[in-house]
């Protein structure tokens, strides 16, 4: 996509009231930020299944986001730490599915309840790895109208 096309597209999107995207975002990944809470999960699944964690961090997490990393509620904070944890899943060369059961929105905040399942292989042992759960995630709408994870809690309340 050339710069003129991107500029025209961004102008049309702005005229239609849609959130704009940066030219370099589209050129690098083809991914766009989510304009609905459910869209964040579509973005997450696409990025994880294709190994695009950098794009995921750019489009799907707020600065200072928090993610639980175990059913015991261990957590990491910040895009760099979350990307490192997600890269561990990508290394398993698996597939993740997500089924958003419910989204409760109030203004610029949303609570999402999502069933997820992951199937992959441990690169060291080649043994199958199956993970899953019901996530309880908090998402925030930014000033530009895009939604991102503020709290990514894939294990929900399971302990």
C-alpha atoms as a PDB file:
ATOM      1  CA  UNK A   1       0.000   0.000   0.000  1.00  0.00           C
ATOM      2  CA  UNK A   2       1.564   3.287  -1.045  1.00  0.00           C
ATOM      3  CA  UNK A   3       1.523   6.453   1.075  1.00  0.00           C
ATOM      4  CA  UNK A   4      -1.151   8.157  -1.057  1.00  0.00           C
ATOM      5  CA  UNK A   5      -3.480   5.141  -0.732  1.00  0.00           C
ATOM      6  CA  UNK A   6      -2.969   5.053   3.033  1.00  0.00           C
ATOM      7  CA  UNK A   7      -3.600   8.800   3.313  1.00  0.00           C
ATOM      8  CA  UNK A   8      -6.794   8.557   1.257  1.00  0.00           C
ATOM      9  CA  UNK A   9      -7.968   5.540   3.233  1.00  0.00           C
ATOM     10  CA  UNK A  10      -7.258   7.273   6.549  1.00  0.00           C
ATOM     11  CA  UNK A  11      -9.135  10.383   5.353  1.00  0.00           C
ATOM     12  CA  UNK A  12     -12.143   8.298   4.311  1.00  0.00           C
ATOM     13  CA  UNK A  13     -12.081   6.442   7.628  1.00  0.00           C
ATOM     14  CA  UNK A  14     -11.971   9.729   9.552  1.00  0.00           C
ATOM     15  CA  UNK A  15     -14.851  11.123   7.458  1.00  0.00           C
ATOM     16  CA  UNK A  16     -16.872   7.965   8.229  1.00  0.00           C
ATOM     17  CA  UNK A  17     -16.100   8.314  11.947  1.00  0.00           C
ATOM     18  CA  UNK A  18     -13.874   5.238  12.045  1.00  0.00           C
ATOM     19  CA  UNK A  19     -10.595   5.201  13.973  1.00  0.00           C
ATOM     20  CA  UNK A  20      -7.562   5.951  11.854  1.00  0.00           C
ATOM     21  CA  UNK A  21      -4.459   3.792  11.757  1.00  0.00           C
ATOM     22  CA  UNK A  22      -0.866   4.667  11.155  1.00  0.00           C
ATOM     23  CA  UNK A  23       0.546   3.914   7.720  1.00  0.00           C
ATOM     24  CA  UNK A  24       3.435   1.942   9.157  1.00  0.00           C
ATOM     25  CA  UNK A  25       1.050  -0.271  11.184  1.00  0.00           C
ATOM     26  CA  UNK A  26      -0.649  -1.601   8.066  1.00  0.00           C
ATOM     27  CA  UNK A  27       2.533  -1.898   6.046  1.00  0.00           C
ATOM     28  CA  UNK A  28       4.257  -3.955   8.735  1.00  0.00           C
ATOM     29  CA  UNK A  29       1.571  -6.392   9.764  1.00  0.00           C
ATOM     30  CA  UNK A  30      -1.782  -5.898   8.097  1.00  0.00           C
ATOM     31  CA  UNK A  31      -3.280  -5.935  11.609  1.00  0.00           C
ATOM     32  CA  UNK A  32      -5.435  -3.084  12.798  1.00  0.00           C
ATOM     33  CA  UNK A  33      -6.413  -2.141  16.332  1.00  0.00           C
ATOM     34  CA  UNK A  34      -9.743  -3.505  17.538  1.00  0.00           C
ATOM     35  CA  UNK A  35     -12.742  -1.187  17.482  1.00  0.00           C
ATOM     36  CA  UNK A  36     -14.836  -3.436  19.755  1.00  0.00           C
ATOM     37  CA  UNK A  37     -13.963  -5.463  22.857  1.00  0.00           C
ATOM     38  CA  UNK A  38     -14.674  -8.704  20.966  1.00  0.00           C
ATOM     39  CA  UNK A  39     -12.342  -7.529  18.223  1.00  0.00           C
ATOM     40  CA  UNK A  40      -9.426  -7.604  20.676  1.00  0.00           C
ATOM     41  CA  UNK A  41      -9.883 -11.372  20.991  1.00  0.00           C
ATOM     42  CA  UNK A  42      -9.942 -11.842  17.205  1.00  0.00           C
ATOM     43  CA  UNK A  43      -6.713  -9.836  17.037  1.00  0.00           C
ATOM     44  CA  UNK A  44      -5.218 -11.893  19.885  1.00  0.00           C
ATOM     45  CA  UNK A  45      -6.026 -15.234  18.227  1.00  0.00           C
ATOM     46  CA  UNK A  46      -4.711 -14.090  14.834  1.00  0.00           C
ATOM     47  CA  UNK A  47      -1.482 -12.749  16.307  1.00  0.00           C
ATOM     48  CA  UNK A  48      -0.802 -15.756  18.527  1.00  0.00           C
ATOM     49  CA  UNK A  49      -1.526 -18.276  15.782  1.00  0.00           C
ATOM     50  CA  UNK A  50       0.848 -16.479  13.412  1.00  0.00           C
ATOM     51  CA  UNK A  51       3.535 -15.604  15.959  1.00  0.00           C
ATOM     52  CA  UNK A  52       3.083 -11.841  15.657  1.00  0.00           C
ATOM     53  CA  UNK A  53       3.598 -10.888  19.300  1.00  0.00           C
ATOM     54  CA  UNK A  54       5.113  -7.485  18.444  1.00  0.00           C
ATOM     55  CA  UNK A  55       1.975  -6.500  16.537  1.00  0.00           C
ATOM     56  CA  UNK A  56      -0.147  -7.891  19.360  1.00  0.00           C
ATOM     57  CA  UNK A  57       1.630  -5.701  21.898  1.00  0.00           C
ATOM     58  CA  UNK A  58       1.245  -2.663  19.664  1.00  0.00           C
ATOM     59  CA  UNK A  59      -2.467  -3.112  19.023  1.00  0.00           C
ATOM     60  CA  UNK A  60      -3.941  -5.101  21.905  1.00  0.00           C
ATOM     61  CA  UNK A  61      -2.373  -3.981  25.217  1.00  0.00           C
ATOM     62  CA  UNK A  62      -2.384  -0.628  27.018  1.00  0.00           C
ATOM     63  CA  UNK A  63       0.846   0.699  28.503  1.00  0.00           C
ATOM     64  CA  UNK A  64       1.230  -0.806  31.969  1.00  0.00           C
ATOM     65  CA  UNK A  65      -1.160  -3.702  31.238  1.00  0.00           C
ATOM     66  CA  UNK A  66      -1.149  -6.637  33.663  1.00  0.00           C
ATOM     67  CA  UNK A  67      -1.378 -10.341  32.762  1.00  0.00           C
ATOM     68  CA  UNK A  68      -1.725 -13.296  35.098  1.00  0.00           C
ATOM     69  CA  UNK A  69       0.695 -16.069  34.156  1.00  0.00           C
ATOM     70  CA  UNK A  70      -0.628 -18.976  36.204  1.00  0.00           C
ATOM     71  CA  UNK A  71      -3.786 -20.195  37.929  1.00  0.00           C
ATOM     72  CA  UNK A  72      -2.129 -19.130  41.201  1.00  0.00           C
ATOM     73  CA  UNK A  73      -2.461 -15.507  40.046  1.00  0.00           C
ATOM     74  CA  UNK A  74       1.251 -14.840  39.455  1.00  0.00           C
ATOM     75  CA  UNK A  75       1.431 -11.850  37.132  1.00  0.00           C
ATOM     76  CA  UNK A  76       3.643  -9.703  34.942  1.00  0.00           C
ATOM     77  CA  UNK A  77       3.199  -6.043  34.105  1.00  0.00           C
ATOM     78  CA  UNK A  78       4.083  -4.042  31.027  1.00  0.00           C
ATOM     79  CA  UNK A  79       4.213  -4.824  27.338  1.00  0.00           C
ATOM     80  CA  UNK A  80       7.773  -6.196  27.400  1.00  0.00           C
ATOM     81  CA  UNK A  81       7.044  -8.694  30.177  1.00  0.00           C
ATOM     82  CA  UNK A  82       3.717  -9.741  28.638  1.00  0.00           C
ATOM     83  CA  UNK A  83       5.355 -10.221  25.220  1.00  0.00           C
ATOM     84  CA  UNK A  84       7.997 -12.488  26.785  1.00  0.00           C
ATOM     85  CA  UNK A  85       5.305 -14.667  28.393  1.00  0.00           C
ATOM     86  CA  UNK A  86       3.266 -14.854  25.210  1.00  0.00           C
ATOM     87  CA  UNK A  87       6.398 -15.766  23.249  1.00  0.00           C
ATOM     88  CA  UNK A  88       6.595 -18.910  25.418  1.00  0.00           C
ATOM     89  CA  UNK A  89       3.218 -19.973  23.962  1.00  0.00           C
ATOM     90  CA  UNK A  90       4.307 -19.099  20.434  1.00  0.00           C
ATOM     91  CA  UNK A  91       7.368 -21.345  20.908  1.00  0.00           C
ATOM     92  CA  UNK A  92       4.980 -24.281  21.410  1.00  0.00           C
ATOM     93  CA  UNK A  93       3.902 -23.819  17.759  1.00  0.00           C
ATOM     94  CA  UNK A  94       0.286 -24.409  18.609  1.00  0.00           C
ATOM     95  CA  UNK A  95      -3.130 -23.054  17.943  1.00  0.00           C
ATOM     96  CA  UNK A  96      -5.308 -21.040  20.267  1.00  0.00           C
ATOM     97  CA  UNK A  97      -9.080 -20.660  20.075  1.00  0.00           C
ATOM     98  CA  UNK A  98     -11.203 -18.162  21.963  1.00  0.00           C
ATOM     99  CA  UNK A  99     -14.962 -18.038  22.404  1.00  0.00           C
ATOM    100  CA  UNK A 100     -16.138 -14.774  23.966  1.00  0.00           C
ATOM    101  CA  UNK A 101     -19.132 -15.703  26.117  1.00  0.00           C
ATOM    102  CA  UNK A 102     -20.059 -12.263  27.393  1.00  0.00           C
ATOM    103  CA  UNK A 103     -18.925  -8.655  27.280  1.00  0.00           C
ATOM    104  CA  UNK A 104     -20.170  -6.136  29.827  1.00  0.00           C
ATOM    105  CA  UNK A 105     -19.431  -2.564  28.771  1.00  0.00           C
ATOM    106  CA  UNK A 106     -19.686   0.616  30.795  1.00  0.00           C
ATOM    107  CA  UNK A 107     -18.321   3.669  29.070  1.00  0.00           C
ATOM    108  CA  UNK A 108     -14.672   3.080  28.187  1.00  0.00           C
ATOM    109  CA  UNK A 109     -14.304  -0.098  30.286  1.00  0.00           C
ATOM    110  CA  UNK A 110     -15.377  -3.640  29.415  1.00  0.00           C
ATOM    111  CA  UNK A 111     -15.299  -6.965  31.245  1.00  0.00           C
ATOM    112  CA  UNK A 112     -15.043  -9.978  28.948  1.00  0.00           C
ATOM    113  CA  UNK A 113     -15.649 -13.619  29.889  1.00  0.00           C
ATOM    114  CA  UNK A 114     -13.922 -15.854  27.355  1.00  0.00           C
ATOM    115  CA  UNK A 115     -13.418 -19.613  27.048  1.00  0.00           C
ATOM    116  CA  UNK A 116     -10.085 -20.462  25.445  1.00  0.00           C
ATOM    117  CA  UNK A 117      -8.127 -23.557  24.478  1.00  0.00           C
ATOM    118  CA  UNK A 118      -4.552 -24.001  23.312  1.00  0.00           C
ATOM    119  CA  UNK A 119      -2.985 -27.078  21.696  1.00  0.00           C
ATOM    120  CA  UNK A 120       0.730 -27.218  20.948  1.00  0.00           C
ATOM    121  CA  UNK A 121       3.929 -29.252  21.412  1.00  0.00           C
ATOM    122  CA  UNK A 122       6.776 -28.810  23.867  1.00  0.00           C
ATOM    123  CA  UNK A 123       9.823 -28.069  21.661  1.00  0.00           C
ATOM    124  CA  UNK A 124      12.174 -29.948  24.018  1.00  0.00           C
ATOM    125  CA  UNK A 125      10.185 -33.168  24.446  1.00  0.00           C
ATOM    126  CA  UNK A 126       7.745 -32.995  21.525  1.00  0.00           C
ATOM    127  CA  UNK A 127       4.979 -33.902  23.999  1.00  0.00           C
ATOM    128  CA  UNK A 128       1.516 -32.488  23.409  1.00  0.00           C
ATOM    129  CA  UNK A 129       0.604 -29.435  25.474  1.00  0.00           C
ATOM    130  CA  UNK A 130      -3.069 -28.681  26.114  1.00  0.00           C
ATOM    131  CA  UNK A 131      -4.111 -25.639  28.090  1.00  0.00           C
ATOM    132  CA  UNK A 132      -7.369 -23.810  28.513  1.00  0.00           C
ATOM    133  CA  UNK A 133      -9.682 -21.995  30.808  1.00  0.00           C
ATOM    134  CA  UNK A 134     -12.195 -19.247  31.197  1.00  0.00           C
ATOM    135  CA  UNK A 135     -10.616 -15.814  31.121  1.00  0.00           C
ATOM    136  CA  UNK A 136     -11.912 -12.740  32.903  1.00  0.00           C
ATOM    137  CA  UNK A 137     -10.369  -9.766  31.131  1.00  0.00           C
ATOM    138  CA  UNK A 138     -10.712  -6.021  31.563  1.00  0.00           C
ATOM    139  CA  UNK A 139     -10.410  -3.933  28.410  1.00  0.00           C
ATOM    140  CA  UNK A 140     -10.177  -0.188  27.987  1.00  0.00           C
ATOM    141  CA  UNK A 141     -11.228   2.012  25.086  1.00  0.00           C
ATOM    142  CA  UNK A 142      -8.554   4.571  24.220  1.00  0.00           C
ATOM    143  CA  UNK A 143      -9.257   8.138  23.122  1.00  0.00           C
ATOM    144  CA  UNK A 144      -8.934   7.033  19.462  1.00  0.00           C
ATOM    145  CA  UNK A 145     -11.812   4.544  19.924  1.00  0.00           C
ATOM    146  CA  UNK A 146      -9.684   1.395  19.913  1.00  0.00           C
ATOM    147  CA  UNK A 147      -9.972  -1.273  22.601  1.00  0.00           C
ATOM    148  CA  UNK A 148      -7.031  -2.935  24.387  1.00  0.00           C
ATOM    149  CA  UNK A 149      -6.360  -5.245  27.305  1.00  0.00           C
ATOM    150  CA  UNK A 150      -5.735  -3.475  30.613  1.00  0.00           C
ATOM    151  CA  UNK A 151      -5.927  -6.716  32.635  1.00  0.00           C
ATOM    152  CA  UNK A 152      -5.413 -10.022  30.813  1.00  0.00           C
ATOM    153  CA  UNK A 153      -6.457 -12.773  33.203  1.00  0.00           C
ATOM    154  CA  UNK A 154      -6.538 -15.980  31.123  1.00  0.00           C
ATOM    155  CA  UNK A 155      -7.032 -18.231  34.147  1.00  0.00           C
ATOM    156  CA  UNK A 156     -10.032 -16.364  35.521  1.00  0.00           C
ATOM    157  CA  UNK A 157     -10.645 -17.305  39.125  1.00  0.00           C
ATOM    158  CA  UNK A 158      -9.446 -20.917  38.695  1.00  0.00           C
ATOM    159  CA  UNK A 159      -7.002 -22.025  41.353  1.00  0.00           C
END
